[in-house]
Amino acid sequence: QVQLVESGGGLVQPGGSLRLSCAASGSIFSSNAMGWYRQAPGKQRELVAGITSGGRTNYADSVKGRFTISRDNAKNTVNLQMNSLKPEDTAVYYCNAGGTYSSTTYQRGSSWGQGTQVTVSS
């Protein structure tokens, strides 16, 4: 089991940027695929981006070209750089670990962080 702690959320104006970080501990981080999910009020939790242990990535269509997922295996962290933020990006963002890849898309694993709130508003 992997323990996950997210940070970096907050309030930002439309068009702004935020960088989320997820610190992992408790297992062999470098061998785990990782993902970021988000959940807006009244909506289901959805995949934002995933990254394999080797650094291959996939993104939801709604964030392609604006968000970048990356990982630092030496520091046991996975990051989500979010640019050109829109009000519809407002959600609680969750880090996820231990998932698998179905073809080219990350499938959620059993380990979740506590979530970090991202609010995009003027």
C-alpha atoms as a PDB file:
ATOM      1  CA  GLN A   1       0.000   0.000   0.000  1.00  0.00           C
ATOM      2  CA  VAL A   2       1.175   3.478  -0.856  1.00  0.00           C
ATOM      3  CA  GLN A   3       0.458   6.516   1.318  1.00  0.00           C
ATOM      4  CA  LEU A   4      -0.196   9.710  -0.643  1.00  0.00           C
ATOM      5  CA  VAL A   5      -0.292  13.379   0.402  1.00  0.00           C
ATOM      6  CA  GLU A   6      -1.315  16.099  -2.064  1.00  0.00           C
ATOM      7  CA  SER A   7      -0.413  19.779  -1.884  1.00  0.00           C
ATOM      8  CA  GLY A   8      -0.527  22.892  -4.038  1.00  0.00           C
ATOM      9  CA  GLY A   9      -4.217  23.573  -4.484  1.00  0.00           C
ATOM     10  CA  GLY A  10      -5.791  26.981  -4.059  1.00  0.00           C
ATOM     11  CA  LEU A  11      -7.720  29.802  -5.662  1.00  0.00           C
ATOM     12  CA  VAL A  12      -6.588  31.089  -9.042  1.00  0.00           C
ATOM     13  CA  GLN A  13      -8.064  33.366 -11.690  1.00  0.00           C
ATOM     14  CA  PRO A  14      -9.066  32.026 -15.108  1.00  0.00           C
ATOM     15  CA  GLY A  15      -6.003  31.739 -17.311  1.00  0.00           C
ATOM     16  CA  GLY A  16      -3.724  31.244 -14.328  1.00  0.00           C
ATOM     17  CA  SER A  17      -1.540  28.317 -13.312  1.00  0.00           C
ATOM     18  CA  LEU A  18      -1.142  25.973 -10.379  1.00  0.00           C
ATOM     19  CA  ARG A  19       1.215  23.101  -9.658  1.00  0.00           C
ATOM     20  CA  LEU A  20      -0.024  20.165  -7.610  1.00  0.00           C
ATOM     21  CA  SER A  21       2.357  17.753  -5.929  1.00  0.00           C
ATOM     22  CA  CYS A  22       1.791  14.288  -4.507  1.00  0.00           C
ATOM     23  CA  ALA A  23       4.292  12.827  -2.062  1.00  0.00           C
ATOM     24  CA  ALA A  24       4.267   9.047  -1.853  1.00  0.00           C
ATOM     25  CA  SER A  25       5.614   6.710   0.792  1.00  0.00           C
ATOM     26  CA  GLY A  26       5.202   3.183   2.047  1.00  0.00           C
ATOM     27  CA  SER A  27       5.960   1.160  -1.042  1.00  0.00           C
ATOM     28  CA  ILE A  28       8.246   1.043  -4.020  1.00  0.00           C
ATOM     29  CA  PHE A  29       7.123   4.259  -5.683  1.00  0.00           C
ATOM     30  CA  SER A  30       9.195   3.898  -8.820  1.00  0.00           C
ATOM     31  CA  SER A  31       7.410   0.694  -9.856  1.00  0.00           C
ATOM     32  CA  ASN A  32       3.919   2.184  -9.559  1.00  0.00           C
ATOM     33  CA  ALA A  33       1.874   3.786 -12.265  1.00  0.00           C
ATOM     34  CA  MET A  34       0.280   6.978 -10.888  1.00  0.00           C
ATOM     35  CA  GLY A  35      -2.660   9.162 -11.739  1.00  0.00           C
ATOM     36  CA  TRP A  36      -4.437  12.405 -10.919  1.00  0.00           C
ATOM     37  CA  TYR A  37      -8.215  12.459 -10.683  1.00  0.00           C
ATOM     38  CA  ARG A  38     -10.672  15.225  -9.937  1.00  0.00           C
ATOM     39  CA  GLN A  39     -14.206  15.453  -8.624  1.00  0.00           C
ATOM     40  CA  ALA A  40     -16.435  18.475  -8.993  1.00  0.00           C
ATOM     41  CA  PRO A  41     -19.578  18.929  -6.872  1.00  0.00           C
ATOM     42  CA  GLY A  42     -22.357  16.669  -8.090  1.00  0.00           C
ATOM     43  CA  LYS A  43     -20.128  14.894 -10.582  1.00  0.00           C
ATOM     44  CA  GLN A  44     -18.300  11.601 -10.703  1.00  0.00           C
ATOM     45  CA  ARG A  45     -14.590  11.391 -10.076  1.00  0.00           C
ATOM     46  CA  GLU A  46     -12.762  11.485 -13.393  1.00  0.00           C
ATOM     47  CA  LEU A  47      -9.254  10.790 -14.612  1.00  0.00           C
ATOM     48  CA  VAL A  48      -7.214  13.882 -15.379  1.00  0.00           C
ATOM     49  CA  ALA A  49      -3.831  12.331 -16.224  1.00  0.00           C
ATOM     50  CA  GLY A  50      -1.810   9.171 -15.712  1.00  0.00           C
ATOM     51  CA  ILE A  51       1.862   8.280 -15.886  1.00  0.00           C
ATOM     52  CA  THR A  52       3.560   4.891 -16.086  1.00  0.00           C
ATOM     53  CA  SER A  53       6.595   3.923 -14.042  1.00  0.00           C
ATOM     54  CA  GLY A  54       8.653   4.658 -17.136  1.00  0.00           C
ATOM     55  CA  GLY A  55       7.164   8.105 -17.694  1.00  0.00           C
ATOM     56  CA  ARG A  56       4.626   7.457 -20.453  1.00  0.00           C
ATOM     57  CA  THR A  57       1.588   9.706 -20.009  1.00  0.00           C
ATOM     58  CA  ASN A  58      -2.060  10.019 -20.954  1.00  0.00           C
ATOM     59  CA  TYR A  59      -4.528  12.876 -20.453  1.00  0.00           C
ATOM     60  CA  ALA A  60      -8.236  13.548 -20.462  1.00  0.00           C
ATOM     61  CA  ASP A  61      -9.252  15.356 -23.641  1.00  0.00           C
ATOM     62  CA  SER A  62     -10.433  18.334 -21.588  1.00  0.00           C
ATOM     63  CA  VAL A  63      -6.926  19.055 -20.263  1.00  0.00           C
ATOM     64  CA  LYS A  64      -4.694  18.079 -23.187  1.00  0.00           C
ATOM     65  CA  GLY A  65      -2.283  20.851 -24.048  1.00  0.00           C
ATOM     66  CA  ARG A  66      -2.877  22.637 -20.721  1.00  0.00           C
ATOM     67  CA  PHE A  67      -1.873  20.122 -18.024  1.00  0.00           C
ATOM     68  CA  THR A  68       1.368  18.175 -17.681  1.00  0.00           C
ATOM     69  CA  ILE A  69       1.939  15.209 -15.378  1.00  0.00           C
ATOM     70  CA  SER A  70       5.464  14.322 -14.332  1.00  0.00           C
ATOM     71  CA  ARG A  71       7.219  12.213 -11.740  1.00  0.00           C
ATOM     72  CA  ASP A  72      10.477  12.322  -9.808  1.00  0.00           C
ATOM     73  CA  ASN A  73      11.306   8.805  -8.666  1.00  0.00           C
ATOM     74  CA  ALA A  74      14.262  10.034  -6.594  1.00  0.00           C
ATOM     75  CA  LYS A  75      11.924  12.236  -4.533  1.00  0.00           C
ATOM     76  CA  ASN A  76       8.899   9.903  -4.639  1.00  0.00           C
ATOM     77  CA  THR A  77       6.684  12.641  -6.034  1.00  0.00           C
ATOM     78  CA  VAL A  78       4.274  13.026  -8.905  1.00  0.00           C
ATOM     79  CA  ASN A  79       3.300  16.500 -10.063  1.00  0.00           C
ATOM     80  CA  LEU A  80       0.542  18.064 -12.103  1.00  0.00           C
ATOM     81  CA  GLN A  81       1.331  21.377 -13.770  1.00  0.00           C
ATOM     82  CA  MET A  82      -1.918  23.108 -14.688  1.00  0.00           C
ATOM     83  CA  ASN A  83      -1.839  26.062 -17.075  1.00  0.00           C
ATOM     84  CA  SER A  84      -4.558  28.132 -18.742  1.00  0.00           C
ATOM     85  CA  LEU A  85      -6.967  27.142 -16.008  1.00  0.00           C
ATOM     86  CA  LYS A  86     -10.694  27.455 -16.625  1.00  0.00           C
ATOM     87  CA  PRO A  87     -13.628  27.705 -14.205  1.00  0.00           C
ATOM     88  CA  GLU A  88     -14.636  24.189 -15.248  1.00  0.00           C
ATOM     89  CA  ASP A  89     -11.346  22.899 -13.828  1.00  0.00           C
ATOM     90  CA  THR A  90     -12.676  23.696 -10.347  1.00  0.00           C
ATOM     91  CA  ALA A  91     -12.710  20.453  -8.341  1.00  0.00           C
ATOM     92  CA  VAL A  92     -11.035  18.485  -5.603  1.00  0.00           C
ATOM     93  CA  TYR A  93      -7.955  16.869  -7.118  1.00  0.00           C
ATOM     94  CA  TYR A  94      -6.819  13.441  -5.911  1.00  0.00           C
ATOM     95  CA  CYS A  95      -3.586  11.553  -6.356  1.00  0.00           C
ATOM     96  CA  ASN A  96      -3.935   7.840  -7.077  1.00  0.00           C
ATOM     97  CA  ALA A  97      -1.413   5.004  -7.058  1.00  0.00           C
ATOM     98  CA  GLY A  98      -1.186   1.349  -7.865  1.00  0.00           C
ATOM     99  CA  GLY A  99      -3.262   1.447 -11.003  1.00  0.00           C
ATOM    100  CA  THR A 100      -2.713  -0.290 -14.290  1.00  0.00           C
ATOM    101  CA  TYR A 101      -2.834   0.658 -17.927  1.00  0.00           C
ATOM    102  CA  SER A 102      -5.583  -0.552 -20.220  1.00  0.00           C
ATOM    103  CA  SER A 103      -4.118   0.084 -23.648  1.00  0.00           C
ATOM    104  CA  THR A 104      -2.995   3.699 -23.276  1.00  0.00           C
ATOM    105  CA  THR A 105      -5.261   4.822 -20.412  1.00  0.00           C
ATOM    106  CA  TYR A 106      -4.545   4.739 -16.678  1.00  0.00           C
ATOM    107  CA  GLN A 107      -7.010   2.671 -14.634  1.00  0.00           C
ATOM    108  CA  ARG A 108      -7.335   3.655 -10.988  1.00  0.00           C
ATOM    109  CA  GLY A 109      -5.573   1.785  -8.223  1.00  0.00           C
ATOM    110  CA  SER A 110      -6.554   1.339  -4.600  1.00  0.00           C
ATOM    111  CA  SER A 111      -4.422   4.072  -2.987  1.00  0.00           C
ATOM    112  CA  TRP A 112      -5.816   7.612  -2.718  1.00  0.00           C
ATOM    113  CA  GLY A 113      -4.652  10.826  -1.172  1.00  0.00           C
ATOM    114  CA  GLN A 114      -6.924  13.090   0.836  1.00  0.00           C
ATOM    115  CA  GLY A 115      -7.457  15.524  -2.030  1.00  0.00           C
ATOM    116  CA  THR A 116      -6.648  19.184  -2.586  1.00  0.00           C
ATOM    117  CA  GLN A 117      -9.143  21.862  -3.617  1.00  0.00           C
ATOM    118  CA  VAL A 118      -8.580  23.808  -6.831  1.00  0.00           C
ATOM    119  CA  THR A 119     -10.888  26.762  -7.449  1.00  0.00           C
ATOM    120  CA  VAL A 120     -10.725  28.775 -10.655  1.00  0.00           C
ATOM    121  CA  SER A 121     -12.683  31.984 -10.311  1.00  0.00           C
ATOM    122  CA  SER A 122     -12.398  35.696 -10.912  1.00  0.00           C
END
